[in-house]
Amino acid sequence: MTYAIIGFGKIGQALARRGIEVSVATTRDPESFASAAAAIGSTIIPKKLADAVKADIVFLAVRFESYRDVAKALPTWKDKIIVDVTNAYGVPPEELGGQPSSRAVAQAFTGGRLVKGFNHLGAAVLEQDPAVHGGKRVVFLASDDDGAASEIGALAENLGFSPIKLGALSEGGLLVQGRGNSWGQLIFKDLIKFD
């Protein structure tokens, strides 16, 4: 399984610190962020966008307005899992056709299997050790594709998190999205799960 993070701002860098080998890309030349990637570790590989999107699992950690540009990097996203880490705060609901922001994102990634996840935590929290006082930090996942949600749930567990599936994008996805001038009820909730 190969991984890529598209977007190398605070959230992209926080995800990159989770300790797996991952390609990172932006719309800029990879040399422009190579030193930041090297500072995180040797498992972070700067690439051009066209090369990074060839990964099996792609974390979309760009500003919400940029998701369409990333979607155009491939003619089809068939069988790829896209983890939507974006938040559409400030985007009027009517621009989204009244649907959850992740549903709009999913429609742009033709053939892809979209999972909303890892977006409810701020970068400063996301980059911390997910093991807290004998428990594990929770990450919420929502998807219309149960198989994709299970794969990302397994990845989250391997990264040390405790995944909680919230259901479909039109249900659980609404709990972890920003749109218009409001946040879903679970945004910024830093919860720890104890077994």
Protein backbone atom coordinates (compact mmCIF):
# COMPACT_ATOMS: atom_id res chain seq x y z
CA MET A 1 0.00 0.00 0.00
CA THR A 2 1.35 3.45 -0.93
CA TYR A 3 0.36 6.77 0.62
CA ALA A 4 0.44 10.42 -0.40
CA ILE A 5 -0.47 13.68 1.28
CA ILE A 6 -1.53 16.45 -1.06
CA GLY A 7 -1.02 19.75 0.70
CA PHE A 8 1.94 20.43 2.94
CA GLY A 9 0.66 23.12 5.26
CA LYS A 10 0.22 22.58 9.00
CA ILE A 11 -2.27 19.72 8.64
CA GLY A 12 -0.27 18.00 5.88
CA GLN A 13 2.89 18.21 7.97
CA ALA A 14 1.07 16.92 11.06
CA LEU A 15 -0.13 13.90 9.07
CA ALA A 16 3.39 13.36 7.69
CA ARG A 17 4.73 13.10 11.25
CA ARG A 18 2.74 9.92 11.86
CA GLY A 19 5.73 7.76 10.90
CA ILE A 20 4.80 6.01 7.65
CA GLU A 21 6.55 6.36 4.33
CA VAL A 22 4.52 8.91 2.41
CA SER A 23 4.84 11.04 -0.69
CA VAL A 24 3.98 14.70 -0.24
CA ALA A 25 3.02 17.15 -2.94
CA THR A 26 1.59 20.58 -3.52
CA THR A 27 0.93 22.56 -6.67
CA ARG A 28 4.45 23.98 -6.27
CA ASP A 29 7.73 22.43 -7.30
CA PRO A 30 8.85 19.77 -4.77
CA GLU A 31 12.13 21.60 -4.19
CA SER A 32 10.19 24.46 -2.59
CA PHE A 33 9.21 22.27 0.39
CA ALA A 34 11.98 19.64 0.33
CA SER A 35 13.76 21.08 3.37
CA ALA A 36 10.53 21.06 5.43
CA ALA A 37 9.97 17.42 4.42
CA ALA A 38 13.56 16.48 5.28
CA ALA A 39 13.18 18.11 8.70
CA ILE A 40 10.32 15.70 9.48
CA GLY A 41 12.25 12.61 8.41
CA SER A 42 13.57 10.42 5.65
CA THR A 43 10.21 8.68 5.17
CA ILE A 44 8.71 11.90 3.74
CA ILE A 45 9.28 11.99 -0.03
CA PRO A 46 8.56 15.26 -1.88
CA LYS A 47 7.07 14.65 -5.33
CA LYS A 48 5.31 16.46 -8.11
CA LEU A 49 1.53 16.35 -7.85
CA ALA A 50 1.21 14.14 -10.96
CA ASP A 51 3.47 11.53 -9.36
CA ALA A 52 2.11 11.69 -5.80
CA VAL A 53 -1.49 11.04 -6.85
CA LYS A 54 -0.47 7.61 -8.14
CA ALA A 55 -0.51 6.38 -4.51
CA ASP A 56 -3.18 3.91 -3.37
CA ILE A 57 -4.38 6.17 -0.55
CA VAL A 58 -4.32 9.96 -0.97
CA PHE A 59 -4.87 12.36 1.92
CA LEU A 60 -6.42 15.56 0.61
CA ALA A 61 -5.03 18.21 2.98
CA VAL A 62 -5.43 21.30 0.79
CA ARG A 63 -7.61 24.36 1.26
CA PHE A 64 -11.17 23.35 0.39
CA GLU A 65 -11.19 25.65 -2.65
CA SER A 66 -8.31 23.65 -4.18
CA TYR A 67 -9.88 20.17 -4.24
CA ARG A 68 -11.01 20.47 -7.87
CA ASP A 69 -7.46 21.29 -9.00
CA VAL A 70 -6.17 18.13 -7.30
CA ALA A 71 -9.00 16.04 -8.79
CA LYS A 72 -7.91 17.11 -12.28
CA ALA A 73 -4.47 15.53 -11.73
CA LEU A 74 -5.88 12.16 -12.85
CA PRO A 75 -8.57 11.38 -15.43
CA THR A 76 -9.99 8.72 -13.13
CA TRP A 77 -9.44 7.92 -9.46
CA LYS A 78 -10.79 4.39 -9.89
CA ASP A 79 -10.25 2.27 -6.79
CA LYS A 80 -8.11 4.91 -5.04
CA ILE A 81 -9.07 5.94 -1.54
CA ILE A 82 -9.19 9.68 -0.97
CA VAL A 83 -9.18 10.82 2.65
CA ASP A 84 -10.88 14.21 2.74
CA VAL A 85 -9.14 16.24 5.44
CA THR A 86 -10.57 19.54 4.17
CA ASN A 87 -13.08 21.82 5.87
CA ALA A 88 -15.44 24.05 3.90
CA TYR A 89 -15.82 26.69 6.61
CA GLY A 90 -16.87 29.94 4.96
CA VAL A 91 -18.27 28.17 1.87
CA PRO A 92 -22.01 28.89 1.65
CA PRO A 93 -24.13 25.69 1.75
CA GLU A 94 -25.84 26.70 -1.51
CA GLU A 95 -22.44 26.49 -3.27
CA LEU A 96 -22.34 22.87 -2.17
CA GLY A 97 -25.83 22.21 -3.53
CA GLY A 98 -27.11 21.75 0.02
CA GLN A 99 -25.07 18.55 0.40
CA PRO A 100 -22.21 17.72 2.79
CA SER A 101 -18.90 19.19 1.69
CA SER A 102 -17.38 15.72 1.31
CA ARG A 103 -20.12 14.68 -1.10
CA ALA A 104 -19.09 17.62 -3.32
CA VAL A 105 -15.46 16.54 -3.03
CA ALA A 106 -16.34 12.91 -3.82
CA GLN A 107 -18.10 13.94 -7.02
CA ALA A 108 -14.90 15.61 -8.28
CA PHE A 109 -12.78 12.48 -7.74
CA THR A 110 -14.35 10.29 -10.43
CA GLY A 111 -14.24 6.63 -9.46
CA GLY A 112 -12.54 7.33 -6.12
CA ARG A 113 -13.58 5.94 -2.74
CA LEU A 114 -13.87 8.90 -0.38
CA VAL A 115 -13.54 8.85 3.40
CA LYS A 116 -13.98 11.99 5.49
CA GLY A 117 -11.45 11.81 8.30
CA PHE A 118 -8.64 13.34 10.34
CA ASN A 119 -10.14 16.80 9.76
CA HIS A 120 -11.77 17.43 13.12
CA LEU A 121 -8.49 17.90 14.98
CA GLY A 122 -6.35 21.01 14.67
CA ALA A 123 -2.79 20.53 13.41
CA ALA A 124 -1.24 21.10 16.85
CA VAL A 125 -3.32 18.24 18.28
CA LEU A 126 -3.03 15.96 15.24
CA GLU A 127 0.76 16.01 15.37
CA GLN A 128 0.86 14.95 19.05
CA ASP A 129 1.35 11.37 20.14
CA PRO A 130 -2.09 9.73 19.82
CA ALA A 131 -1.41 7.67 22.96
CA VAL A 132 -2.74 9.71 25.89
CA HIS A 133 -2.82 8.55 29.53
CA GLY A 134 -3.30 4.91 28.55
CA GLY A 135 -5.93 5.68 25.91
CA LYS A 136 -5.87 6.55 22.23
CA ARG A 137 -6.89 9.80 20.55
CA VAL A 138 -10.08 9.40 18.52
CA VAL A 139 -10.33 10.11 14.80
CA PHE A 140 -13.78 10.19 13.25
CA LEU A 141 -14.43 8.62 9.85
CA ALA A 142 -17.46 8.96 7.57
CA SER A 143 -17.92 7.38 4.16
CA ASP A 144 -20.47 6.02 1.72
CA ASP A 145 -18.00 3.17 1.09
CA ASP A 146 -17.80 0.79 4.06
CA GLY A 147 -14.76 -0.99 2.67
CA ALA A 148 -12.81 2.24 2.27
CA ALA A 149 -13.81 3.34 5.78
CA SER A 150 -12.57 0.02 7.16
CA GLU A 151 -9.23 0.36 5.35
CA ILE A 152 -8.72 3.88 6.70
CA GLY A 153 -9.86 2.69 10.13
CA ALA A 154 -7.15 0.00 10.07
CA LEU A 155 -4.58 2.60 8.98
CA ALA A 156 -5.69 4.92 11.80
CA GLU A 157 -5.19 2.08 14.30
CA ASN A 158 -1.72 1.37 12.87
CA LEU A 159 -0.90 5.05 13.38
CA GLY A 160 -1.94 4.75 17.03
CA PHE A 161 -5.39 6.35 16.84
CA SER A 162 -8.78 4.96 17.82
CA PRO A 163 -11.09 5.30 14.80
CA ILE A 164 -14.82 5.77 15.25
CA LYS A 165 -16.99 5.30 12.17
CA LEU A 166 -19.85 7.78 12.01
CA GLY A 167 -21.70 6.29 9.04
CA ALA A 168 -22.40 7.80 5.63
CA LEU A 169 -21.34 11.26 4.45
CA SER A 170 -24.93 12.54 4.66
CA GLU A 171 -25.12 11.40 8.28
CA GLY A 172 -21.82 11.25 10.12
CA GLY A 173 -20.09 13.47 7.59
CA LEU A 174 -22.26 16.37 8.72
CA LEU A 175 -20.90 16.01 12.25
CA VAL A 176 -17.30 16.58 11.13
CA GLN A 177 -17.50 19.28 8.54
CA GLY A 178 -17.32 23.01 8.44
CA ARG A 179 -19.53 24.82 5.96
CA GLY A 180 -21.04 28.24 5.80
CA ASN A 181 -20.32 29.90 9.11
CA SER A 182 -20.79 26.84 11.28
CA TRP A 183 -18.87 23.79 12.39
CA GLY A 184 -20.18 20.25 12.79
CA GLN A 185 -20.80 19.17 16.38
CA LEU A 186 -17.65 17.01 16.54
CA ILE A 187 -15.18 19.47 15.01
CA PHE A 188 -12.29 20.28 17.37
CA LYS A 189 -13.45 17.66 19.91
CA ASP A 190 -10.26 16.04 21.18
CA LEU A 191 -11.54 12.77 22.62
CA ILE A 192 -9.59 9.87 24.09
CA LYS A 193 -10.91 6.29 23.98
CA PHE A 194 -9.95 3.80 26.64
CA ASP A 195 -10.29 0.05 26.07
